[in-house]
Amino acid sequence: GGGGGGGGARGLAGQGTTYGTRAMFDESQKRRRCKHLVLYLERHDGETQSKILEGVKTELADLGITSRELRHWQKKEDKAIAEREKKQQQANLAAAARGGGGDGGGGVGPG
């Protein structure tokens, strides 16, 4: 016995609670905020993006989010979008090669 509630903290090599340290949490939140802001900005043209960023400049500074970090996340999201589009195109080509039918349906079963 004796495992109980402390096992998670030991699982993180003494780095804090089961959920990690405050620094780990803060970094995770920062990444999440950057990603969501970048996804929001993608919906707008360059001029509107600039206005939005200017409007939230103080909040970003308070959160420790730099323009460099936002550019990093923009690149990551652009790459992820390109990869998803490529996979979709490959799936479309594969479906066309099969006759566009897809799986399950229309065939006559045994019996």
PDB file of N, CA and C in Angstrom:
ATOM      1  N   GLY A   1       0.700  -1.211   0.000  1.00  0.00           N
ATOM      2  CA  GLY A   1       0.000   0.000   0.000  1.00  0.00           C
ATOM      3  C   GLY A   1       0.740   1.281   0.000  1.00  0.00           C
ATOM      4  N   GLY A   2       0.033   2.273   0.438  1.00  0.00           N
ATOM      5  CA  GLY A   2       0.572   3.598   0.614  1.00  0.00           C
ATOM      6  C   GLY A   2       0.714   4.431  -0.643  1.00  0.00           C
ATOM      7  N   GLY A   3       0.269   3.963  -1.821  1.00  0.00           N
ATOM      8  CA  GLY A   3       0.417   4.729  -3.064  1.00  0.00           C
ATOM      9  C   GLY A   3      -0.426   5.977  -3.075  1.00  0.00           C
ATOM     10  N   GLY A   4      -1.698   5.823  -2.878  1.00  0.00           N
ATOM     11  CA  GLY A   4      -2.653   6.921  -2.745  1.00  0.00           C
ATOM     12  C   GLY A   4      -2.480   8.099  -3.677  1.00  0.00           C
ATOM     13  N   GLY A   5      -2.734   9.294  -3.130  1.00  0.00           N
ATOM     14  CA  GLY A   5      -2.764  10.497  -3.930  1.00  0.00           C
ATOM     15  C   GLY A   5      -1.421  11.056  -4.322  1.00  0.00           C
ATOM     16  N   GLY A   6      -0.335  10.638  -3.700  1.00  0.00           N
ATOM     17  CA  GLY A   6       0.954  11.221  -4.002  1.00  0.00           C
ATOM     18  C   GLY A   6       1.615  10.658  -5.243  1.00  0.00           C
ATOM     19  N   GLY A   7       1.081   9.577  -5.797  1.00  0.00           N
ATOM     20  CA  GLY A   7       1.718   8.927  -6.933  1.00  0.00           C
ATOM     21  C   GLY A   7       1.899   9.819  -8.138  1.00  0.00           C
ATOM     22  N   GLY A   8       0.904  10.683  -8.408  1.00  0.00           N
ATOM     23  CA  GLY A   8       0.996  11.558  -9.567  1.00  0.00           C
ATOM     24  C   GLY A   8       2.150  12.529  -9.467  1.00  0.00           C
ATOM     25  N   ALA A   9       2.352  13.084  -8.285  1.00  0.00           N
ATOM     26  CA  ALA A   9       3.441  14.036  -8.107  1.00  0.00           C
ATOM     27  C   ALA A   9       4.790  13.347  -8.300  1.00  0.00           C
ATOM     28  N   ARG A  10       4.908  12.142  -7.762  1.00  0.00           N
ATOM     29  CA  ARG A  10       6.159  11.411  -7.953  1.00  0.00           C
ATOM     30  C   ARG A  10       6.352  11.071  -9.430  1.00  0.00           C
ATOM     31  N   GLY A  11       5.229  10.867 -10.139  1.00  0.00           N
ATOM     32  CA  GLY A  11       5.304  10.561 -11.566  1.00  0.00           C
ATOM     33  C   GLY A  11       5.908  11.702 -12.369  1.00  0.00           C
ATOM     34  N   LEU A  12       5.863  12.893 -11.833  1.00  0.00           N
ATOM     35  CA  LEU A  12       6.458  14.052 -12.502  1.00  0.00           C
ATOM     36  C   LEU A  12       7.833  14.362 -11.936  1.00  0.00           C
ATOM     37  N   ALA A  13       8.459  13.376 -11.333  1.00  0.00           N
ATOM     38  CA  ALA A  13       9.816  13.516 -10.788  1.00  0.00           C
ATOM     39  C   ALA A  13       9.920  14.685  -9.825  1.00  0.00           C
ATOM     40  N   GLY A  14       8.914  14.820  -8.964  1.00  0.00           N
ATOM     41  CA  GLY A  14       8.962  15.851  -7.933  1.00  0.00           C
ATOM     42  C   GLY A  14       8.766  17.257  -8.461  1.00  0.00           C
ATOM     43  N   GLN A  15       8.154  17.411  -9.630  1.00  0.00           N
ATOM     44  CA  GLN A  15       7.996  18.741 -10.224  1.00  0.00           C
ATOM     45  C   GLN A  15       6.770  19.484  -9.721  1.00  0.00           C
ATOM     46  N   GLY A  16       6.016  18.931  -8.822  1.00  0.00           N
ATOM     47  CA  GLY A  16       4.845  19.636  -8.315  1.00  0.00           C
ATOM     48  C   GLY A  16       3.702  18.681  -8.105  1.00  0.00           C
ATOM     49  N   THR A  17       2.511  19.146  -8.346  1.00  0.00           N
ATOM     50  CA  THR A  17       1.319  18.338  -8.144  1.00  0.00           C
ATOM     51  C   THR A  17       1.114  17.400  -9.323  1.00  0.00           C
ATOM     52  N   THR A  18       0.031  16.657  -9.258  1.00  0.00           N
ATOM     53  CA  THR A  18      -0.338  15.756 -10.348  1.00  0.00           C
ATOM     54  C   THR A  18      -0.444  16.529 -11.662  1.00  0.00           C
ATOM     55  N   TYR A  19      -0.812  17.787 -11.585  1.00  0.00           N
ATOM     56  CA  TYR A  19      -1.024  18.605 -12.773  1.00  0.00           C
ATOM     57  C   TYR A  19       0.222  19.380 -13.195  1.00  0.00           C
ATOM     58  N   GLY A  20       1.334  19.173 -12.522  1.00  0.00           N
ATOM     59  CA  GLY A  20       2.564  19.869 -12.875  1.00  0.00           C
ATOM     60  C   GLY A  20       2.780  21.105 -12.028  1.00  0.00           C
ATOM     61  N   THR A  21       3.806  21.833 -12.382  1.00  0.00           N
ATOM     62  CA  THR A  21       4.142  23.047 -11.634  1.00  0.00           C
ATOM     63  C   THR A  21       3.366  24.235 -12.175  1.00  0.00           C
ATOM     64  N   ARG A  22       3.425  25.317 -11.446  1.00  0.00           N
ATOM     65  CA  ARG A  22       2.775  26.552 -11.895  1.00  0.00           C
ATOM     66  C   ARG A  22       3.405  27.021 -13.211  1.00  0.00           C
ATOM     67  N   ALA A  23       4.729  26.892 -13.323  1.00  0.00           N
ATOM     68  CA  ALA A  23       5.424  27.305 -14.547  1.00  0.00           C
ATOM     69  C   ALA A  23       4.959  26.470 -15.746  1.00  0.00           C
ATOM     70  N   MET A  24       4.770  25.173 -15.524  1.00  0.00           N
ATOM     71  CA  MET A  24       4.285  24.309 -16.607  1.00  0.00           C
ATOM     72  C   MET A  24       2.878  24.727 -17.034  1.00  0.00           C
ATOM     73  N   PHE A  25       2.027  25.023 -16.055  1.00  0.00           N
ATOM     74  CA  PHE A  25       0.670  25.467 -16.339  1.00  0.00           C
ATOM     75  C   PHE A  25       0.682  26.786 -17.104  1.00  0.00           C
ATOM     76  N   ASP A  26       1.486  27.737 -16.631  1.00  0.00           N
ATOM     77  CA  ASP A  26       1.556  29.045 -17.281  1.00  0.00           C
ATOM     78  C   ASP A  26       2.021  28.923 -18.733  1.00  0.00           C
ATOM     79  N   GLU A  27       3.018  28.082 -18.972  1.00  0.00           N
ATOM     80  CA  GLU A  27       3.510  27.891 -20.339  1.00  0.00           C
ATOM     81  C   GLU A  27       2.446  27.260 -21.222  1.00  0.00           C
ATOM     82  N   SER A  28       1.731  26.302 -20.680  1.00  0.00           N
ATOM     83  CA  SER A  28       0.655  25.658 -21.429  1.00  0.00           C
ATOM     84  C   SER A  28      -0.439  26.664 -21.782  1.00  0.00           C
ATOM     85  N   GLN A  29      -0.798  27.507 -20.827  1.00  0.00           N
ATOM     86  CA  GLN A  29      -1.811  28.538 -21.072  1.00  0.00           C
ATOM     87  C   GLN A  29      -1.338  29.524 -22.141  1.00  0.00           C
ATOM     88  N   LYS A  30      -0.078  29.879 -22.075  1.00  0.00           N
ATOM     89  CA  LYS A  30       0.484  30.819 -23.049  1.00  0.00           C
ATOM     90  C   LYS A  30       0.404  30.234 -24.454  1.00  0.00           C
ATOM     91  N   ARG A  31       0.777  28.952 -24.587  1.00  0.00           N
ATOM     92  CA  ARG A  31       0.701  28.293 -25.892  1.00  0.00           C
ATOM     93  C   ARG A  31      -0.735  28.246 -26.397  1.00  0.00           C
ATOM     94  N   ARG A  32      -1.659  27.908 -25.494  1.00  0.00           N
ATOM     95  CA  ARG A  32      -3.070  27.833 -25.878  1.00  0.00           C
ATOM     96  C   ARG A  32      -3.577  29.195 -26.351  1.00  0.00           C
ATOM     97  N   ARG A  33      -3.227  30.239 -25.614  1.00  0.00           N
ATOM     98  CA  ARG A  33      -3.674  31.582 -25.989  1.00  0.00           C
ATOM     99  C   ARG A  33      -3.109  31.999 -27.349  1.00  0.00           C
ATOM    100  N   CYS A  34      -1.832  31.729 -27.565  1.00  0.00           N
ATOM    101  CA  CYS A  34      -1.198  32.063 -28.845  1.00  0.00           C
ATOM    102  C   CYS A  34      -1.908  31.350 -29.992  1.00  0.00           C
ATOM    103  N   LYS A  35      -2.123  30.060 -29.813  1.00  0.00           N
ATOM    104  CA  LYS A  35      -2.751  29.268 -30.867  1.00  0.00           C
ATOM    105  C   LYS A  35      -4.147  29.792 -31.191  1.00  0.00           C
ATOM    106  N   HIS A  36      -4.947  30.046 -30.176  1.00  0.00           N
ATOM    107  CA  HIS A  36      -6.309  30.512 -30.416  1.00  0.00           C
ATOM    108  C   HIS A  36      -6.340  31.913 -31.014  1.00  0.00           C
ATOM    109  N   LEU A  37      -5.436  32.769 -30.598  1.00  0.00           N
ATOM    110  CA  LEU A  37      -5.367  34.106 -31.181  1.00  0.00           C
ATOM    111  C   LEU A  37      -4.996  34.019 -32.658  1.00  0.00           C
ATOM    112  N   VAL A  38      -4.021  33.174 -32.974  1.00  0.00           N
ATOM    113  CA  VAL A  38      -3.604  33.001 -34.369  1.00  0.00           C
ATOM    114  C   VAL A  38      -4.764  32.462 -35.208  1.00  0.00           C
ATOM    115  N   LEU A  39      -5.488  31.486 -34.687  1.00  0.00           N
ATOM    116  CA  LEU A  39      -6.636  30.944 -35.416  1.00  0.00           C
ATOM    117  C   LEU A  39      -7.696  32.021 -35.644  1.00  0.00           C
ATOM    118  N   TYR A  40      -7.907  32.886 -34.660  1.00  0.00           N
ATOM    119  CA  TYR A  40      -8.853  33.985 -34.814  1.00  0.00           C
ATOM    120  C   TYR A  40      -8.363  34.978 -35.865  1.00  0.00           C
ATOM    121  N   LEU A  41      -7.086  35.329 -35.804  1.00  0.00           N
ATOM    122  CA  LEU A  41      -6.530  36.316 -36.735  1.00  0.00           C
ATOM    123  C   LEU A  41      -6.603  35.835 -38.182  1.00  0.00           C
ATOM    124  N   GLU A  42      -6.506  34.521 -38.406  1.00  0.00           N
ATOM    125  CA  GLU A  42      -6.544  33.982 -39.764  1.00  0.00           C
ATOM    126  C   GLU A  42      -7.829  34.325 -40.498  1.00  0.00           C
ATOM    127  N   ARG A  43      -8.882  34.620 -39.768  1.00  0.00           N
ATOM    128  CA  ARG A  43     -10.175  34.947 -40.377  1.00  0.00           C
ATOM    129  C   ARG A  43     -10.203  36.351 -40.980  1.00  0.00           C
ATOM    130  N   HIS A  44      -9.159  37.138 -40.703  1.00  0.00           N
ATOM    131  CA  HIS A  44      -9.169  38.547 -41.091  1.00  0.00           C
ATOM    132  C   HIS A  44      -8.015  38.877 -42.025  1.00  0.00           C
ATOM    133  N   ASP A  45      -8.183  39.965 -42.791  1.00  0.00           N
ATOM    134  CA  ASP A  45      -7.105  40.411 -43.677  1.00  0.00           C
ATOM    135  C   ASP A  45      -5.995  41.059 -42.843  1.00  0.00           C
ATOM    136  N   GLY A  46      -4.880  41.338 -43.497  1.00  0.00           N
ATOM    137  CA  GLY A  46      -3.701  41.869 -42.815  1.00  0.00           C
ATOM    138  C   GLY A  46      -3.952  43.161 -42.065  1.00  0.00           C
ATOM    139  N   GLU A  47      -4.696  44.077 -42.671  1.00  0.00           N
ATOM    140  CA  GLU A  47      -4.962  45.362 -42.025  1.00  0.00           C
ATOM    141  C   GLU A  47      -5.787  45.177 -40.751  1.00  0.00           C
ATOM    142  N   THR A  48      -6.802  44.322 -40.830  1.00  0.00           N
ATOM    143  CA  THR A  48      -7.640  44.061 -39.663  1.00  0.00           C
ATOM    144  C   THR A  48      -6.835  43.342 -38.581  1.00  0.00           C
ATOM    145  N   GLN A  49      -5.977  42.425 -38.980  1.00  0.00           N
ATOM    146  CA  GLN A  49      -5.119  41.740 -38.008  1.00  0.00           C
ATOM    147  C   GLN A  49      -4.271  42.737 -37.243  1.00  0.00           C
ATOM    148  N   SER A  50      -3.701  43.695 -37.972  1.00  0.00           N
ATOM    149  CA  SER A  50      -2.865  44.713 -37.328  1.00  0.00           C
ATOM    150  C   SER A  50      -3.664  45.533 -36.324  1.00  0.00           C
ATOM    151  N   LYS A  51      -4.897  45.887 -36.698  1.00  0.00           N
ATOM    152  CA  LYS A  51      -5.753  46.661 -35.789  1.00  0.00           C
ATOM    153  C   LYS A  51      -6.098  45.859 -34.544  1.00  0.00           C
ATOM    154  N   ILE A  52      -6.388  44.565 -34.735  1.00  0.00           N
ATOM    155  CA  ILE A  52      -6.714  43.707 -33.593  1.00  0.00           C
ATOM    156  C   ILE A  52      -5.515  43.622 -32.653  1.00  0.00           C
ATOM    157  N   LEU A  53      -4.343  43.355 -33.225  1.00  0.00           N
ATOM    158  CA  LEU A  53      -3.141  43.224 -32.396  1.00  0.00           C
ATOM    159  C   LEU A  53      -2.810  44.517 -31.673  1.00  0.00           C
ATOM    160  N   GLU A  54      -3.024  45.638 -32.341  1.00  0.00           N
ATOM    161  CA  GLU A  54      -2.790  46.926 -31.690  1.00  0.00           C
ATOM    162  C   GLU A  54      -3.764  47.105 -30.529  1.00  0.00           C
ATOM    163  N   GLY A  55      -4.999  46.658 -30.732  1.00  0.00           N
ATOM    164  CA  GLY A  55      -6.017  46.793 -29.690  1.00  0.00           C
ATOM    165  C   GLY A  55      -5.766  45.939 -28.456  1.00  0.00           C
ATOM    166  N   VAL A  56      -5.067  44.840 -28.622  1.00  0.00           N
ATOM    167  CA  VAL A  56      -4.808  43.941 -27.483  1.00  0.00           C
ATOM    168  C   VAL A  56      -3.332  43.949 -27.061  1.00  0.00           C
ATOM    169  N   LYS A  57      -2.604  44.943 -27.538  1.00  0.00           N
ATOM    170  CA  LYS A  57      -1.163  45.018 -27.271  1.00  0.00           C
ATOM    171  C   LYS A  57      -0.851  44.984 -25.772  1.00  0.00           C
ATOM    172  N   THR A  58      -1.580  45.742 -24.983  1.00  0.00           N
ATOM    173  CA  THR A  58      -1.335  45.793 -23.542  1.00  0.00           C
ATOM    174  C   THR A  58      -1.606  44.432 -22.898  1.00  0.00           C
ATOM    175  N   GLU A  59      -2.714  43.799 -23.289  1.00  0.00           N
ATOM    176  CA  GLU A  59      -3.054  42.491 -22.729  1.00  0.00           C
ATOM    177  C   GLU A  59      -2.006  41.450 -23.088  1.00  0.00           C
ATOM    178  N   LEU A  60      -1.526  41.484 -24.338  1.00  0.00           N
ATOM    179  CA  LEU A  60      -0.489  40.537 -24.751  1.00  0.00           C
ATOM    180  C   LEU A  60       0.787  40.740 -23.944  1.00  0.00           C
ATOM    181  N   ALA A  61       1.157  41.991 -23.734  1.00  0.00           N
ATOM    182  CA  ALA A  61       2.347  42.284 -22.938  1.00  0.00           C
ATOM    183  C   ALA A  61       2.173  41.790 -21.503  1.00  0.00           C
ATOM    184  N   ASP A  62       0.975  42.002 -20.938  1.00  0.00           N
ATOM    185  CA  ASP A  62       0.703  41.527 -19.578  1.00  0.00           C
ATOM    186  C   ASP A  62       0.820  40.009 -19.474  1.00  0.00           C
ATOM    187  N   LEU A  63       0.463  39.317 -20.557  1.00  0.00           N
ATOM    188  CA  LEU A  63       0.529  37.852 -20.585  1.00  0.00           C
ATOM    189  C   LEU A  63       1.903  37.342 -21.001  1.00  0.00           C
ATOM    190  N   GLY A  64       2.791  38.261 -21.363  1.00  0.00           N
ATOM    191  CA  GLY A  64       4.131  37.864 -21.778  1.00  0.00           C
ATOM    192  C   GLY A  64       4.166  37.241 -23.168  1.00  0.00           C
ATOM    193  N   ILE A  65       3.203  37.599 -24.000  1.00  0.00           N
ATOM    194  CA  ILE A  65       3.136  37.054 -25.358  1.00  0.00           C
ATOM    195  C   ILE A  65       3.750  38.073 -26.314  1.00  0.00           C
ATOM    196  N   THR A  66       4.781  37.634 -27.036  1.00  0.00           N
ATOM    197  CA  THR A  66       5.485  38.524 -27.962  1.00  0.00           C
ATOM    198  C   THR A  66       5.018  38.291 -29.395  1.00  0.00           C
ATOM    199  N   SER A  67       5.294  39.251 -30.256  1.00  0.00           N
ATOM    200  CA  SER A  67       4.947  39.099 -31.674  1.00  0.00           C
ATOM    201  C   SER A  67       5.732  37.936 -32.280  1.00  0.00           C
ATOM    202  N   ARG A  68       6.940  37.707 -31.772  1.00  0.00           N
ATOM    203  CA  ARG A  68       7.744  36.574 -32.254  1.00  0.00           C
ATOM    204  C   ARG A  68       7.027  35.249 -31.977  1.00  0.00           C
ATOM    205  N   GLU A  69       6.470  35.122 -30.779  1.00  0.00           N
ATOM    206  CA  GLU A  69       5.740  33.895 -30.444  1.00  0.00           C
ATOM    207  C   GLU A  69       4.497  33.727 -31.312  1.00  0.00           C
ATOM    208  N   LEU A  70       3.818  34.821 -31.591  1.00  0.00           N
ATOM    209  CA  LEU A  70       2.637  34.738 -32.460  1.00  0.00           C
ATOM    210  C   LEU A  70       3.028  34.308 -33.870  1.00  0.00           C
ATOM    211  N   ARG A  71       4.144  34.837 -34.388  1.00  0.00           N
ATOM    212  CA  ARG A  71       4.612  34.423 -35.716  1.00  0.00           C
ATOM    213  C   ARG A  71       4.946  32.929 -35.722  1.00  0.00           C
ATOM    214  N   HIS A  72       5.559  32.461 -34.628  1.00  0.00           N
ATOM    215  CA  HIS A  72       5.878  31.035 -34.503  1.00  0.00           C
ATOM    216  C   HIS A  72       4.597  30.202 -34.620  1.00  0.00           C
ATOM    217  N   TRP A  73       3.560  30.609 -33.905  1.00  0.00           N
ATOM    218  CA  TRP A  73       2.307  29.848 -33.942  1.00  0.00           C
ATOM    219  C   TRP A  73       1.610  29.982 -35.282  1.00  0.00           C
ATOM    220  N   GLN A  74       1.746  31.136 -35.946  1.00  0.00           N
ATOM    221  CA  GLN A  74       1.172  31.276 -37.283  1.00  0.00           C
ATOM    222  C   GLN A  74       1.809  30.270 -38.233  1.00  0.00           C
ATOM    223  N   LYS A  75       3.126  30.138 -38.153  1.00  0.00           N
ATOM    224  CA  LYS A  75       3.824  29.175 -39.011  1.00  0.00           C
ATOM    225  C   LYS A  75       3.367  27.754 -38.721  1.00  0.00           C
ATOM    226  N   LYS A  76       3.236  27.416 -37.429  1.00  0.00           N
ATOM    227  CA  LYS A  76       2.790  26.069 -37.054  1.00  0.00           C
ATOM    228  C   LYS A  76       1.381  25.798 -37.573  1.00  0.00           C
ATOM    229  N   GLU A  77       0.499  26.772 -37.434  1.00  0.00           N
ATOM    230  CA  GLU A  77      -0.881  26.580 -37.897  1.00  0.00           C
ATOM    231  C   GLU A  77      -0.951  26.510 -39.419  1.00  0.00           C
ATOM    232  N   ASP A  78      -0.164  27.335 -40.099  1.00  0.00           N
ATOM    233  CA  ASP A  78      -0.125  27.281 -41.561  1.00  0.00           C
ATOM    234  C   ASP A  78       0.331  25.902 -42.025  1.00  0.00           C
ATOM    235  N   LYS A  79       1.345  25.362 -41.360  1.00  0.00           N
ATOM    236  CA  LYS A  79       1.851  24.032 -41.707  1.00  0.00           C
ATOM    237  C   LYS A  79       0.788  22.966 -41.442  1.00  0.00           C
ATOM    238  N   ALA A  80       0.110  23.065 -40.311  1.00  0.00           N
ATOM    239  CA  ALA A  80      -0.933  22.088 -39.974  1.00  0.00           C
ATOM    240  C   ALA A  80      -2.075  22.139 -40.975  1.00  0.00           C
ATOM    241  N   ILE A  81      -2.452  23.337 -41.398  1.00  0.00           N
ATOM    242  CA  ILE A  81      -3.518  23.482 -42.383  1.00  0.00           C
ATOM    243  C   ILE A  81      -3.093  22.858 -43.705  1.00  0.00           C
ATOM    244  N   ALA A  82      -1.864  23.132 -44.124  1.00  0.00           N
ATOM    245  CA  ALA A  82      -1.355  22.563 -45.384  1.00  0.00           C
ATOM    246  C   ALA A  82      -1.337  21.039 -45.322  1.00  0.00           C
ATOM    247  N   GLU A  83      -0.941  20.490 -44.177  1.00  0.00           N
ATOM    248  CA  GLU A  83      -0.910  19.029 -44.033  1.00  0.00           C
ATOM    249  C   GLU A  83      -2.316  18.442 -44.087  1.00  0.00           C
ATOM    250  N   ARG A  84      -3.277  19.109 -43.449  1.00  0.00           N
ATOM    251  CA  ARG A  84      -4.669  18.620 -43.493  1.00  0.00           C
ATOM    252  C   ARG A  84      -5.212  18.671 -44.913  1.00  0.00           C
ATOM    253  N   GLU A  85      -4.900  19.767 -45.638  1.00  0.00           N
ATOM    254  CA  GLU A  85      -5.367  19.881 -47.024  1.00  0.00           C
ATOM    255  C   GLU A  85      -4.752  18.795 -47.899  1.00  0.00           C
ATOM    256  N   LYS A  86      -3.473  18.505 -47.688  1.00  0.00           N
ATOM    257  CA  LYS A  86      -2.797  17.466 -48.454  1.00  0.00           C
ATOM    258  C   LYS A  86      -3.435  16.103 -48.194  1.00  0.00           C
ATOM    259  N   LYS A  87      -3.705  15.800 -46.927  1.00  0.00           N
ATOM    260  CA  LYS A  87      -4.347  14.530 -46.584  1.00  0.00           C
ATOM    261  C   LYS A  87      -5.736  14.435 -47.211  1.00  0.00           C
ATOM    262  N   GLN A  88      -6.463  15.540 -47.207  1.00  0.00           N
ATOM    263  CA  GLN A  88      -7.805  15.541 -47.800  1.00  0.00           C
ATOM    264  C   GLN A  88      -7.726  15.310 -49.304  1.00  0.00           C
ATOM    265  N   GLN A  89      -6.758  15.951 -49.962  1.00  0.00           N
ATOM    266  CA  GLN A  89      -6.580  15.747 -51.400  1.00  0.00           C
ATOM    267  C   GLN A  89      -6.230  14.294 -51.703  1.00  0.00           C
ATOM    268  N   GLN A  90      -5.361  13.709 -50.871  1.00  0.00           N
ATOM    269  CA  GLN A  90      -4.989  12.311 -51.065  1.00  0.00           C
ATOM    270  C   GLN A  90      -6.200  11.405 -50.876  1.00  0.00           C
ATOM    271  N   ALA A  91      -7.021  11.696 -49.889  1.00  0.00           N
ATOM    272  CA  ALA A  91      -8.228  10.901 -49.652  1.00  0.00           C
ATOM    273  C   ALA A  91      -9.194  11.044 -50.826  1.00  0.00           C
ATOM    274  N   ASN A  92      -9.305  12.250 -51.369  1.00  0.00           N
ATOM    275  CA  ASN A  92     -10.187  12.478 -52.520  1.00  0.00           C
ATOM    276  C   ASN A  92      -9.697  11.702 -53.736  1.00  0.00           C
ATOM    277  N   LEU A  93      -8.380  11.713 -53.963  1.00  0.00           N
ATOM    278  CA  LEU A  93      -7.813  10.966 -55.086  1.00  0.00           C
ATOM    279  C   LEU A  93      -8.036   9.469 -54.915  1.00  0.00           C
ATOM    280  N   ALA A  94      -7.850   8.979 -53.697  1.00  0.00           N
ATOM    281  CA  ALA A  94      -8.059   7.557 -53.429  1.00  0.00           C
ATOM    282  C   ALA A  94      -9.517   7.180 -53.646  1.00  0.00           C
ATOM    283  N   ALA A  95     -10.428   8.048 -53.234  1.00  0.00           N
ATOM    284  CA  ALA A  95     -11.855   7.780 -53.430  1.00  0.00           C
ATOM    285  C   ALA A  95     -12.200   7.782 -54.913  1.00  0.00           C
ATOM    286  N   ALA A  96     -11.609   8.706 -55.658  1.00  0.00           N
ATOM    287  CA  ALA A  96     -11.861   8.767 -57.103  1.00  0.00           C
ATOM    288  C   ALA A  96     -11.328   7.515 -57.800  1.00  0.00           C
ATOM    289  N   ALA A  97     -10.183   7.019 -57.337  1.00  0.00           N
ATOM    290  CA  ALA A  97      -9.604   5.819 -57.919  1.00  0.00           C
ATOM    291  C   ALA A  97     -10.474   4.598 -57.652  1.00  0.00           C
ATOM    292  N   ARG A  98     -11.181   4.609 -56.538  1.00  0.00           N
ATOM    293  CA  ARG A  98     -12.096   3.498 -56.217  1.00  0.00           C
ATOM    294  C   ARG A  98     -13.437   3.679 -56.903  1.00  0.00           C
ATOM    295  N   GLY A  99     -13.596   4.725 -57.636  1.00  0.00           N
ATOM    296  CA  GLY A  99     -14.870   4.971 -58.293  1.00  0.00           C
ATOM    297  C   GLY A  99     -15.747   5.912 -57.503  1.00  0.00           C
ATOM    298  N   GLY A 100     -15.161   6.530 -56.485  1.00  0.00           N
ATOM    299  CA  GLY A 100     -15.889   7.528 -55.707  1.00  0.00           C
ATOM    300  C   GLY A 100     -16.925   6.959 -54.776  1.00  0.00           C
ATOM    301  N   GLY A 101     -17.002   5.641 -54.665  1.00  0.00           N
ATOM    302  CA  GLY A 101     -18.067   5.020 -53.894  1.00  0.00           C
ATOM    303  C   GLY A 101     -17.931   5.159 -52.407  1.00  0.00           C
ATOM    304  N   GLY A 102     -16.780   5.006 -51.890  1.00  0.00           N
ATOM    305  CA  GLY A 102     -16.654   4.982 -50.442  1.00  0.00           C
ATOM    306  C   GLY A 102     -16.932   3.601 -49.913  1.00  0.00           C
ATOM    307  N   ASP A 103     -17.001   3.462 -48.627  1.00  0.00           N
ATOM    308  CA  ASP A 103     -17.174   2.155 -48.016  1.00  0.00           C
ATOM    309  C   ASP A 103     -18.624   1.893 -47.647  1.00  0.00           C
ATOM    310  N   GLY A 104     -18.995   0.642 -47.774  1.00  0.00           N
ATOM    311  CA  GLY A 104     -20.268   0.163 -47.246  1.00  0.00           C
ATOM    312  C   GLY A 104     -21.492   0.713 -47.918  1.00  0.00           C
ATOM    313  N   GLY A 105     -22.087  -0.019 -48.740  1.00  0.00           N
ATOM    314  CA  GLY A 105     -23.351   0.428 -49.296  1.00  0.00           C
ATOM    315  C   GLY A 105     -23.510   0.002 -50.736  1.00  0.00           C
ATOM    316  N   GLY A 106     -24.697  -0.372 -51.056  1.00  0.00           N
ATOM    317  CA  GLY A 106     -25.023  -0.657 -52.443  1.00  0.00           C
ATOM    318  C   GLY A 106     -24.754  -2.067 -52.912  1.00  0.00           C
ATOM    319  N   GLY A 107     -23.907  -2.760 -52.251  1.00  0.00           N
ATOM    320  CA  GLY A 107     -23.540  -4.114 -52.697  1.00  0.00           C
ATOM    321  C   GLY A 107     -24.570  -5.136 -52.280  1.00  0.00           C
ATOM    322  N   VAL A 108     -24.528  -6.279 -52.937  1.00  0.00           N
ATOM    323  CA  VAL A 108     -25.420  -7.381 -52.582  1.00  0.00           C
ATOM    324  C   VAL A 108     -24.645  -8.325 -51.676  1.00  0.00           C
ATOM    325  N   GLY A 109     -25.199  -8.578 -50.505  1.00  0.00           N
ATOM    326  CA  GLY A 109     -24.533  -9.448 -49.555  1.00  0.00           C
ATOM    327  C   GLY A 109     -24.808 -10.920 -49.792  1.00  0.00           C
ATOM    328  N   PRO A 110     -24.157 -11.762 -49.048  1.00  0.00           N
ATOM    329  CA  PRO A 110     -24.388 -13.206 -49.198  1.00  0.00           C
ATOM    330  C   PRO A 110     -25.808 -13.573 -48.781  1.00  0.00           C
ATOM    331  N   GLY A 111     -26.309 -14.583 -49.424  1.00  0.00           N
ATOM    332  CA  GLY A 111     -27.589 -15.085 -48.958  1.00  0.00           C
ATOM    333  C   GLY A 111     -28.598 -15.062 -49.938  1.00  0.00           C
TER     334      GLY A 111
END
